[in-house]
C-alpha atoms as a PDB file:
ATOM      1  CA  MET A   1     112.684   4.723-113.416  1.00  0.00           C
ATOM      2  CA  LYS A   2     111.413   2.524-110.590  1.00  0.00           C
ATOM      3  CA  THR A   3     112.230  -1.170-110.329  1.00  0.00           C
ATOM      4  CA  ARG A   4     109.130  -3.354-109.947  1.00  0.00           C
ATOM      5  CA  LEU A   5     109.927  -6.503-107.973  1.00  0.00           C
ATOM      6  CA  ILE A   6     108.014  -9.570-106.756  1.00  0.00           C
ATOM      7  CA  ILE A   7     109.498 -11.920-104.158  1.00  0.00           C
ATOM      8  CA  THR A   8     107.683 -15.142-103.342  1.00  0.00           C
ATOM      9  CA  GLY A   9     108.173 -16.236 -99.754  1.00  0.00           C
ATOM     10  CA  GLY A  10     109.343 -12.711 -99.060  1.00  0.00           C
ATOM     11  CA  ALA A  11     108.004 -12.379 -95.521  1.00  0.00           C
ATOM     12  CA  THR A  12     110.837 -14.198 -93.759  1.00  0.00           C
ATOM     13  CA  GLY A  13     114.289 -15.691 -94.124  1.00  0.00           C
ATOM     14  CA  LEU A  14     116.205 -15.148 -97.338  1.00  0.00           C
ATOM     15  CA  GLY A  15     113.138 -13.646 -99.030  1.00  0.00           C
ATOM     16  CA  LYS A  16     112.896 -10.908 -96.435  1.00  0.00           C
ATOM     17  CA  ALA A  17     116.645 -10.339 -96.562  1.00  0.00           C
ATOM     18  CA  LEU A  18     116.473  -9.950-100.344  1.00  0.00           C
ATOM     19  CA  ALA A  19     113.632  -7.465-100.024  1.00  0.00           C
ATOM     20  CA  LEU A  20     115.639  -5.392 -97.535  1.00  0.00           C
ATOM     21  CA  SER A  21     118.730  -5.559 -99.718  1.00  0.00           C
ATOM     22  CA  TYR A  22     116.835  -4.162-102.703  1.00  0.00           C
ATOM     23  CA  ALA A  23     115.204  -1.513-100.529  1.00  0.00           C
ATOM     24  CA  ASN A  24     118.530  -0.488 -98.987  1.00  0.00           C
ATOM     25  CA  ASN A  25     119.990   0.003-102.447  1.00  0.00           C
ATOM     26  CA  LEU A  26     117.018   1.446-104.325  1.00  0.00           C
ATOM     27  CA  GLY A  27     114.921   3.177-101.659  1.00  0.00           C
ATOM     28  CA  ALA A  28     112.111   5.195-103.193  1.00  0.00           C
ATOM     29  CA  ASN A  29     112.984   3.789-106.623  1.00  0.00           C
ATOM     30  CA  LEU A  30     111.664   0.380-105.613  1.00  0.00           C
ATOM     31  CA  GLN A  31     108.138  -0.972-105.978  1.00  0.00           C
ATOM     32  CA  ILE A  32     107.987  -4.353-104.274  1.00  0.00           C
ATOM     33  CA  CYS A  33     105.360  -7.017-103.673  1.00  0.00           C
ATOM     34  CA  ILE A  34     105.840  -9.548-100.899  1.00  0.00           C
ATOM     35  CA  ALA A  35     103.925 -12.656-101.986  1.00  0.00           C
ATOM     36  CA  ASP A  36     103.595 -15.014 -99.042  1.00  0.00           C
ATOM     37  CA  ILE A  37     101.146 -17.025 -96.950  1.00  0.00           C
ATOM     38  CA  ASN A  38     102.232 -15.579 -93.596  1.00  0.00           C
ATOM     39  CA  ALA A  39     100.323 -12.316 -93.215  1.00  0.00           C
ATOM     40  CA  GLU A  40     101.688 -11.469 -89.780  1.00  0.00           C
ATOM     41  CA  ARG A  41     105.341 -11.768 -90.748  1.00  0.00           C
ATOM     42  CA  ALA A  42     104.660 -10.058 -94.060  1.00  0.00           C
ATOM     43  CA  ALA A  43     103.199  -7.047 -92.243  1.00  0.00           C
ATOM     44  CA  ALA A  44     106.394  -6.679 -90.226  1.00  0.00           C
ATOM     45  CA  THR A  45     108.494  -6.938 -93.385  1.00  0.00           C
ATOM     46  CA  ILE A  46     106.378  -4.363 -95.205  1.00  0.00           C
ATOM     47  CA  ALA A  47     106.811  -1.952 -92.289  1.00  0.00           C
ATOM     48  CA  GLU A  48     110.600  -2.300 -92.501  1.00  0.00           C
ATOM     49  CA  LEU A  49     110.555  -1.792 -96.257  1.00  0.00           C
ATOM     50  CA  LYS A  50     108.506   1.374 -95.911  1.00  0.00           C
ATOM     51  CA  THR A  51     111.006   2.833 -93.427  1.00  0.00           C
ATOM     52  CA  LEU A  52     113.517   2.461 -96.268  1.00  0.00           C
ATOM     53  CA  LYS A  53     111.183   4.479 -98.549  1.00  0.00           C
ATOM     54  CA  ALA A  54     110.225   1.508-100.733  1.00  0.00           C
ATOM     55  CA  ASP A  55     106.701   1.380-102.171  1.00  0.00           C
ATOM     56  CA  ALA A  56     105.808  -2.020-100.705  1.00  0.00           C
ATOM     57  CA  PHE A  57     102.670  -4.101-100.397  1.00  0.00           C
ATOM     58  CA  TYR A  58     101.731  -7.637 -99.351  1.00  0.00           C
ATOM     59  CA  TYR A  59      99.679 -10.078-101.371  1.00  0.00           C
ATOM     60  CA  ALA A  60      98.506 -13.379 -99.915  1.00  0.00           C
ATOM     61  CA  CYS A  61      99.661 -16.048-102.324  1.00  0.00           C
ATOM     62  CA  ASP A  62      99.983 -19.806-101.956  1.00  0.00           C
ATOM     63  CA  ILE A  63     102.401 -20.769-104.721  1.00  0.00           C
ATOM     64  CA  THR A  64     101.056 -24.309-104.840  1.00  0.00           C
ATOM     65  CA  LYS A  65      97.764 -22.899-106.155  1.00  0.00           C
ATOM     66  CA  GLN A  66      97.647 -21.733-109.759  1.00  0.00           C
ATOM     67  CA  ALA A  67      94.646 -19.496-109.059  1.00  0.00           C
ATOM     68  CA  ASP A  68      96.616 -17.593-106.409  1.00  0.00           C
ATOM     69  CA  ILE A  69      99.510 -17.008-108.803  1.00  0.00           C
ATOM     70  CA  GLU A  70      97.168 -15.777-111.528  1.00  0.00           C
ATOM     71  CA  SER A  71      95.524 -13.421-109.036  1.00  0.00           C
ATOM     72  CA  LEU A  72      98.989 -12.132-108.104  1.00  0.00           C
ATOM     73  CA  ARG A  73      99.710 -11.459-111.771  1.00  0.00           C
ATOM     74  CA  ASP A  74      96.420  -9.647-112.191  1.00  0.00           C
ATOM     75  CA  ILE A  75      96.934  -7.368-109.183  1.00  0.00           C
ATOM     76  CA  ILE A  76     100.450  -6.569-110.355  1.00  0.00           C
ATOM     77  CA  GLN A  77      99.164  -5.664-113.804  1.00  0.00           C
ATOM     78  CA  THR A  78      96.532  -3.415-112.251  1.00  0.00           C
ATOM     79  CA  LYS A  79      98.877  -1.665-109.820  1.00  0.00           C
ATOM     80  CA  TRP A  80     102.101  -1.470-111.834  1.00  0.00           C
ATOM     81  CA  GLN A  81     101.153  -2.324-115.434  1.00  0.00           C
ATOM     82  CA  GLY A  82     104.053  -4.769-115.523  1.00  0.00           C
ATOM     83  CA  VAL A  83     106.952  -6.134-113.510  1.00  0.00           C
ATOM     84  CA  ASP A  84     110.734  -6.078-113.961  1.00  0.00           C
ATOM     85  CA  ILE A  85     112.031  -8.847-111.684  1.00  0.00           C
ATOM     86  CA  VAL A  86     110.389 -11.965-110.284  1.00  0.00           C
ATOM     87  CA  ILE A  87     112.332 -13.801-107.571  1.00  0.00           C
ATOM     88  CA  ASN A  88     111.185 -17.372-107.010  1.00  0.00           C
ATOM     89  CA  ASN A  89     112.330 -17.706-103.421  1.00  0.00           C
ATOM     90  CA  ALA A  90     109.579 -19.556-101.539  1.00  0.00           C
ATOM     91  CA  GLY A  91     110.683 -22.994-100.456  1.00  0.00           C
ATOM     92  CA  VAL A  92     110.887 -25.666 -97.782  1.00  0.00           C
ATOM     93  CA  ALA A  93     113.474 -28.202 -96.635  1.00  0.00           C
ATOM     94  CA  THR A  94     113.504 -31.963 -96.199  1.00  0.00           C
ATOM     95  CA  GLY A  95     115.993 -34.402 -94.790  1.00  0.00           C
ATOM     96  CA  GLY A  96     116.254 -38.139 -94.513  1.00  0.00           C
ATOM     97  CA  SER A  97     117.645 -41.374 -95.860  1.00  0.00           C
ATOM     98  CA  LEU A  98     116.264 -43.280 -98.821  1.00  0.00           C
ATOM     99  CA  GLU A  99     114.296 -45.509 -96.477  1.00  0.00           C
ATOM    100  CA  GLY A 100     113.332 -42.653 -94.169  1.00  0.00           C
ATOM    101  CA  GLU A 101     111.676 -40.342 -96.695  1.00  0.00           C
ATOM    102  CA  THR A 102     108.146 -41.184 -97.750  1.00  0.00           C
ATOM    103  CA  ILE A 103     106.785 -40.627-101.239  1.00  0.00           C
ATOM    104  CA  GLU A 104     104.415 -38.086 -99.663  1.00  0.00           C
ATOM    105  CA  GLN A 105     107.429 -36.102 -98.465  1.00  0.00           C
ATOM    106  CA  TRP A 106     108.923 -36.222-101.959  1.00  0.00           C
ATOM    107  CA  GLN A 107     105.657 -35.007-103.452  1.00  0.00           C
ATOM    108  CA  TRP A 108     105.375 -32.210-100.872  1.00  0.00           C
ATOM    109  CA  ILE A 109     108.781 -30.725-101.620  1.00  0.00           C
ATOM    110  CA  MET A 110     108.423 -31.183-105.379  1.00  0.00           C
ATOM    111  CA  ASP A 111     105.155 -29.252-105.367  1.00  0.00           C
ATOM    112  CA  ILE A 112     106.588 -26.331-103.387  1.00  0.00           C
ATOM    113  CA  ASN A 113     110.240 -26.127-104.458  1.00  0.00           C
ATOM    114  CA  LEU A 114     109.983 -27.136-108.118  1.00  0.00           C
ATOM    115  CA  LEU A 115     106.483 -27.075-109.562  1.00  0.00           C
ATOM    116  CA  SER A 116     105.726 -23.703-108.000  1.00  0.00           C
ATOM    117  CA  VAL A 117     108.771 -22.213-109.721  1.00  0.00           C
ATOM    118  CA  VAL A 118     107.375 -23.606-112.958  1.00  0.00           C
ATOM    119  CA  ARG A 119     103.918 -22.180-112.192  1.00  0.00           C
ATOM    120  CA  VAL A 120     105.246 -18.703-111.473  1.00  0.00           C
ATOM    121  CA  CYS A 121     107.503 -18.639-114.535  1.00  0.00           C
ATOM    122  CA  LYS A 122     104.719 -19.874-116.827  1.00  0.00           C
ATOM    123  CA  THR A 123     102.317 -17.276-115.435  1.00  0.00           C
ATOM    124  CA  PHE A 124     104.654 -14.284-115.662  1.00  0.00           C
ATOM    125  CA  TYR A 125     106.412 -15.197-118.902  1.00  0.00           C
ATOM    126  CA  PRO A 126     103.611 -13.700-121.049  1.00  0.00           C
ATOM    127  CA  VAL A 127     103.888 -10.462-119.045  1.00  0.00           C
ATOM    128  CA  PHE A 128     107.627 -10.276-119.674  1.00  0.00           C
ATOM    129  CA  LYS A 129     107.191 -11.163-123.337  1.00  0.00           C
ATOM    130  CA  GLN A 130     104.500  -8.541-123.903  1.00  0.00           C
ATOM    131  CA  GLN A 131     106.541  -5.763-122.319  1.00  0.00           C
ATOM    132  CA  GLY A 132     109.705  -6.846-124.134  1.00  0.00           C
ATOM    133  CA  LYS A 133     111.902  -7.561-121.099  1.00  0.00           C
ATOM    134  CA  GLY A 134     112.063  -9.268-117.721  1.00  0.00           C
ATOM    135  CA  TYR A 135     114.259 -11.096-115.257  1.00  0.00           C
ATOM    136  CA  PHE A 136     113.620 -14.334-113.372  1.00  0.00           C
ATOM    137  CA  ILE A 137     115.829 -15.081-110.352  1.00  0.00           C
ATOM    138  CA  ASN A 138     115.268 -18.648-109.171  1.00  0.00           C
ATOM    139  CA  ILE A 139     116.580 -19.621-105.749  1.00  0.00           C
ATOM    140  CA  ALA A 140     117.988 -23.157-105.867  1.00  0.00           C
ATOM    141  CA  SER A 141     120.756 -24.418-103.579  1.00  0.00           C
ATOM    142  CA  GLN A 142     124.343 -25.593-103.461  1.00  0.00           C
ATOM    143  CA  ALA A 143     122.695 -28.972-102.835  1.00  0.00           C
ATOM    144  CA  GLY A 144     121.492 -28.907-106.434  1.00  0.00           C
ATOM    145  CA  LEU A 145     125.103 -28.721-107.675  1.00  0.00           C
ATOM    146  CA  THR A 146     127.077 -30.707-105.104  1.00  0.00           C
ATOM    147  CA  PRO A 147     124.633 -32.971-103.221  1.00  0.00           C
ATOM    148  CA  ILE A 148     125.328 -34.556 -99.849  1.00  0.00           C
ATOM    149  CA  PRO A 149     123.904 -37.761 -98.321  1.00  0.00           C
ATOM    150  CA  PHE A 150     120.569 -37.995 -96.529  1.00  0.00           C
ATOM    151  CA  MET A 151     118.949 -35.099 -98.384  1.00  0.00           C
ATOM    152  CA  SER A 152     117.936 -36.905-101.561  1.00  0.00           C
ATOM    153  CA  SER A 153     114.566 -35.241-102.165  1.00  0.00           C
ATOM    154  CA  TYR A 154     115.926 -31.765-101.433  1.00  0.00           C
ATOM    155  CA  ASN A 155     119.035 -32.365-103.564  1.00  0.00           C
ATOM    156  CA  ALA A 156     117.039 -33.730-106.492  1.00  0.00           C
ATOM    157  CA  VAL A 157     114.455 -30.951-106.480  1.00  0.00           C
ATOM    158  CA  LYS A 158     117.073 -28.198-106.278  1.00  0.00           C
ATOM    159  CA  ALA A 159     119.028 -29.836-109.107  1.00  0.00           C
ATOM    160  CA  ALA A 160     115.814 -29.754-111.123  1.00  0.00           C
ATOM    161  CA  VAL A 161     115.455 -26.016-110.428  1.00  0.00           C
ATOM    162  CA  VAL A 162     118.997 -25.507-111.758  1.00  0.00           C
ATOM    163  CA  SER A 163     118.217 -27.519-114.892  1.00  0.00           C
ATOM    164  CA  PHE A 164     114.874 -25.783-115.419  1.00  0.00           C
ATOM    165  CA  SER A 165     116.541 -22.391-115.041  1.00  0.00           C
ATOM    166  CA  GLU A 166     119.252 -23.290-117.565  1.00  0.00           C
ATOM    167  CA  THR A 167     116.569 -24.365-120.008  1.00  0.00           C
ATOM    168  CA  LEU A 168     114.750 -21.046-119.528  1.00  0.00           C
ATOM    169  CA  LYS A 169     118.004 -19.131-119.994  1.00  0.00           C
ATOM    170  CA  LEU A 170     118.419 -20.700-123.438  1.00  0.00           C
ATOM    171  CA  GLU A 171     114.745 -20.603-124.358  1.00  0.00           C
ATOM    172  CA  LEU A 172     113.811 -17.057-123.335  1.00  0.00           C
ATOM    173  CA  VAL A 173     116.909 -15.093-124.352  1.00  0.00           C
ATOM    174  CA  HIS A 174     115.335 -14.263-127.727  1.00  0.00           C
ATOM    175  CA  ASP A 175     112.460 -12.584-125.876  1.00  0.00           C
ATOM    176  CA  ASN A 176     114.961 -10.373-123.984  1.00  0.00           C
ATOM    177  CA  ILE A 177     114.219 -12.226-120.744  1.00  0.00           C
ATOM    178  CA  ASP A 178     117.133 -12.913-118.391  1.00  0.00           C
ATOM    179  CA  VAL A 179     117.354 -15.855-115.983  1.00  0.00           C
ATOM    180  CA  SER A 180     119.650 -16.397-113.015  1.00  0.00           C
ATOM    181  CA  VAL A 181     119.750 -19.342-110.641  1.00  0.00           C
ATOM    182  CA  VAL A 182     121.111 -18.841-107.131  1.00  0.00           C
ATOM    183  CA  CYS A 183     122.832 -21.698-105.289  1.00  0.00           C
ATOM    184  CA  PRO A 184     123.590 -20.749-101.680  1.00  0.00           C
ATOM    185  CA  SER A 185     124.990 -23.216 -99.185  1.00  0.00           C
ATOM    186  CA  PHE A 186     123.850 -23.455 -95.549  1.00  0.00           C
ATOM    187  CA  PHE A 187     123.288 -20.185 -93.721  1.00  0.00           C
ATOM    188  CA  LYS A 188     121.401 -18.956 -90.676  1.00  0.00           C
ATOM    189  CA  THR A 189     117.728 -18.681 -91.648  1.00  0.00           C
ATOM    190  CA  ASN A 190     114.290 -19.938 -90.657  1.00  0.00           C
ATOM    191  CA  LEU A 191     114.235 -22.693 -93.295  1.00  0.00           C
ATOM    192  CA  ASN A 192     114.563 -25.304 -90.558  1.00  0.00           C
ATOM    193  CA  GLU A 193     111.153 -24.225 -89.214  1.00  0.00           C
ATOM    194  CA  LEU A 194     109.514 -25.760 -92.274  1.00  0.00           C
ATOM    195  CA  MET A 195     111.812 -28.760 -92.550  1.00  0.00           C
ATOM    196  CA  ARG A 196     110.227 -32.198 -92.720  1.00  0.00           C
ATOM    197  CA  THR A 197     112.058 -35.325 -91.624  1.00  0.00           C
ATOM    198  CA  SER A 198     111.092 -38.496 -89.793  1.00  0.00           C
ATOM    199  CA  GLU A 199     114.645 -39.029 -88.538  1.00  0.00           C
ATOM    200  CA  PRO A 200     115.726 -36.939 -85.510  1.00  0.00           C
ATOM    201  CA  ALA A 201     119.421 -37.313 -86.373  1.00  0.00           C
ATOM    202  CA  MET A 202     118.791 -35.509 -89.647  1.00  0.00           C
ATOM    203  CA  ARG A 203     117.187 -32.542 -87.929  1.00  0.00           C
ATOM    204  CA  THR A 204     120.122 -32.331 -85.532  1.00  0.00           C
ATOM    205  CA  MET A 205     122.635 -32.538 -88.368  1.00  0.00           C
ATOM    206  CA  LEU A 206     120.938 -29.907 -90.509  1.00  0.00           C
ATOM    207  CA  ASN A 207     120.368 -27.522 -87.616  1.00  0.00           C
ATOM    208  CA  HIS A 208     124.069 -27.791 -86.827  1.00  0.00           C
ATOM    209  CA  ALA A 209     124.923 -26.994 -90.449  1.00  0.00           C
ATOM    210  CA  PHE A 210     122.660 -23.922 -90.389  1.00  0.00           C
ATOM    211  CA  GLU A 211     124.156 -22.662 -87.138  1.00  0.00           C
ATOM    212  CA  ARG A 212     127.822 -23.023 -88.047  1.00  0.00           C
ATOM    213  CA  SER A 213     127.522 -21.066 -91.289  1.00  0.00           C
ATOM    214  CA  PRO A 214     130.002 -18.161 -91.488  1.00  0.00           C
ATOM    215  CA  ILE A 215     127.410 -15.837 -93.033  1.00  0.00           C
ATOM    216  CA  ASN A 216     123.774 -14.975 -92.358  1.00  0.00           C
ATOM    217  CA  ALA A 217     120.738 -14.418 -94.570  1.00  0.00           C
ATOM    218  CA  GLN A 218     121.332 -10.688 -95.009  1.00  0.00           C
ATOM    219  CA  GLN A 219     124.906 -11.227 -96.129  1.00  0.00           C
ATOM    220  CA  VAL A 220     123.763 -13.881 -98.599  1.00  0.00           C
ATOM    221  CA  ALA A 221     121.054 -11.537 -99.896  1.00  0.00           C
ATOM    222  CA  ASP A 222     123.521  -8.691-100.370  1.00  0.00           C
ATOM    223  CA  ILE A 223     125.794 -10.977-102.392  1.00  0.00           C
ATOM    224  CA  ILE A 224     122.854 -12.021-104.559  1.00  0.00           C
ATOM    225  CA  TYR A 225     121.814  -8.409-105.128  1.00  0.00           C
ATOM    226  CA  THR A 226     125.323  -7.332-106.136  1.00  0.00           C
ATOM    227  CA  GLN A 227     125.908 -10.271-108.465  1.00  0.00           C
ATOM    228  CA  SER A 228     122.456 -10.018-110.032  1.00  0.00           C
ATOM    229  CA  LEU A 229     123.219  -6.521-111.306  1.00  0.00           C
ATOM    230  CA  LYS A 230     125.318  -8.205-114.019  1.00  0.00           C
ATOM    231  CA  ARG A 231     122.646 -10.863-114.574  1.00  0.00           C
ATOM    232  CA  PRO A 232     124.905 -13.943-114.720  1.00  0.00           C
ATOM    233  CA  PHE A 233     123.285 -17.326-115.091  1.00  0.00           C
ATOM    234  CA  LEU A 234     124.810 -18.932-111.970  1.00  0.00           C
ATOM    235  CA  ILE A 235     125.105 -17.048-108.678  1.00  0.00           C
ATOM    236  CA  LEU A 236     127.164 -18.753-105.958  1.00  0.00           C
ATOM    237  CA  THR A 237     127.253 -17.117-102.550  1.00  0.00           C
ATOM    238  CA  HIS A 238     129.604 -19.227-100.412  1.00  0.00           C
ATOM    239  CA  LYS A 239     133.370 -19.545-100.789  1.00  0.00           C
ATOM    240  CA  LEU A 240     133.376 -23.249 -99.905  1.00  0.00           C
ATOM    241  CA  GLY A 241     130.479 -23.801-102.280  1.00  0.00           C
ATOM    242  CA  LYS A 242     132.449 -22.265-105.133  1.00  0.00           C
ATOM    243  CA  GLN A 243     135.412 -24.491-104.298  1.00  0.00           C
ATOM    244  CA  ALA A 244     133.231 -27.612-104.183  1.00  0.00           C
ATOM    245  CA  PHE A 245     131.606 -26.800-107.523  1.00  0.00           C
ATOM    246  CA  LEU A 246     135.016 -26.143-109.127  1.00  0.00           C
ATOM    247  CA  MET A 247     136.370 -29.405-107.740  1.00  0.00           C
ATOM    248  CA  LYS A 248     133.407 -31.312-109.163  1.00  0.00           C
ATOM    249  CA  LYS A 249     133.919 -29.752-112.583  1.00  0.00           C
ATOM    250  CA  LEU A 250     137.676 -30.364-112.735  1.00  0.00           C
ATOM    251  CA  LEU A 251     138.219 -33.717-111.004  1.00  0.00           C
ATOM    252  CA  PRO A 252     137.500 -37.071-112.652  1.00  0.00           C
ATOM    253  CA  VAL A 253     134.156 -38.330-111.405  1.00  0.00           C
ATOM    254  CA  GLU A 254     135.583 -41.213-109.367  1.00  0.00           C
ATOM    255  CA  CYS A 255     138.111 -38.932-107.657  1.00  0.00           C
ATOM    256  CA  TYR A 256     135.387 -36.474-106.765  1.00  0.00           C
ATOM    257  CA  ILE A 257     133.146 -39.218-105.344  1.00  0.00           C
ATOM    258  CA  LYS A 258     136.003 -40.624-103.225  1.00  0.00           C
ATOM    259  CA  ASN A 259     136.741 -37.155-101.894  1.00  0.00           C
ATOM    260  CA  MET A 260     133.087 -36.605-101.011  1.00  0.00           C
ATOM    261  CA  LEU A 261     132.867 -39.993 -99.296  1.00  0.00           C
ATOM    262  CA  LYS A 262     135.675 -38.917 -96.971  1.00  0.00           C
ATOM    263  CA  LYS A 263     134.038 -35.563 -96.277  1.00  0.00           C
ATOM    264  CA  THR A 264     130.610 -37.037 -95.533  1.00  0.00           C
ATOM    265  CA  ARG A 265     131.661 -40.076 -93.473  1.00  0.00           C
ATOM    266  CA  SER A 266     130.745 -38.258 -90.274  1.00  0.00           C
ATOM    267  CA  MET A 267     127.172 -37.904 -91.545  1.00  0.00           C
ATOM    268  CA  GLN A 268     126.892 -41.678 -91.840  1.00  0.00           C
ATOM    269  CA  ARG A 269     128.117 -42.081 -88.273  1.00  0.00           C
ATOM    270  CA  LEU A 270     125.569 -39.554 -87.046  1.00  0.00           C
ATOM    271  CA  LYS A 271     122.792 -41.308 -88.940  1.00  0.00           C
ATOM    272  CA  SER A 272     123.770 -44.626 -87.362  1.00  0.00           C
ATOM    273  CA  LYS A 273     123.453 -43.336 -83.783  1.00  0.00           C
END
């Protein structure tokens, strides 16, 4: 039986890497829709997927628009008569201090990184419920579990995605609908292309963090694919991220905060330059 998969923001970055990971593993047994706003990059991704024998197509979808998401659902119902996995991957990045981030920047990232996950889940939940099964994979971030300074809007929104996903996990289990939330740390991707910040030091700092990552987008995607086969709730992809999350869970709060203050002191110095 073929796996029917939708990936939002699937034309580039982690979304593209996830698409290729599924295609590498499933080949002709994969039906995949790349839902994105970048038609040119999507076309290149579709071509790569087809060389791997996947049945792939692109659908132009702006996840901040409910009408686009409903149109995506309708075309999927027409073409496939259902869907097995929906990966909420589309997202953007922000950086900045409390005083440096505007309310408009907060609203921008909330609309894309949080409310669009809600829109997609609300729209496809009835499809999953009617067919008696389904699987949401929501891409959050290590920042949603172990936040660092000068990324408050990004940290808060990703933490909300984690909380929303946990709520769905508890709420939808009786409908035979699985939910996983993925929390990767920094890795080499194109997320910095869409990053908004008014503070140049933040862009420098975050670009450095992206570049020094020990793993790339394809490696992260392969980890996600492998772990998702068991459908756990929380998927962590980075060794240091796992250690940080464990430390936060086990240490007294004040000890954890003191430890993080030491680790992030260099960020304060960079911000002050």
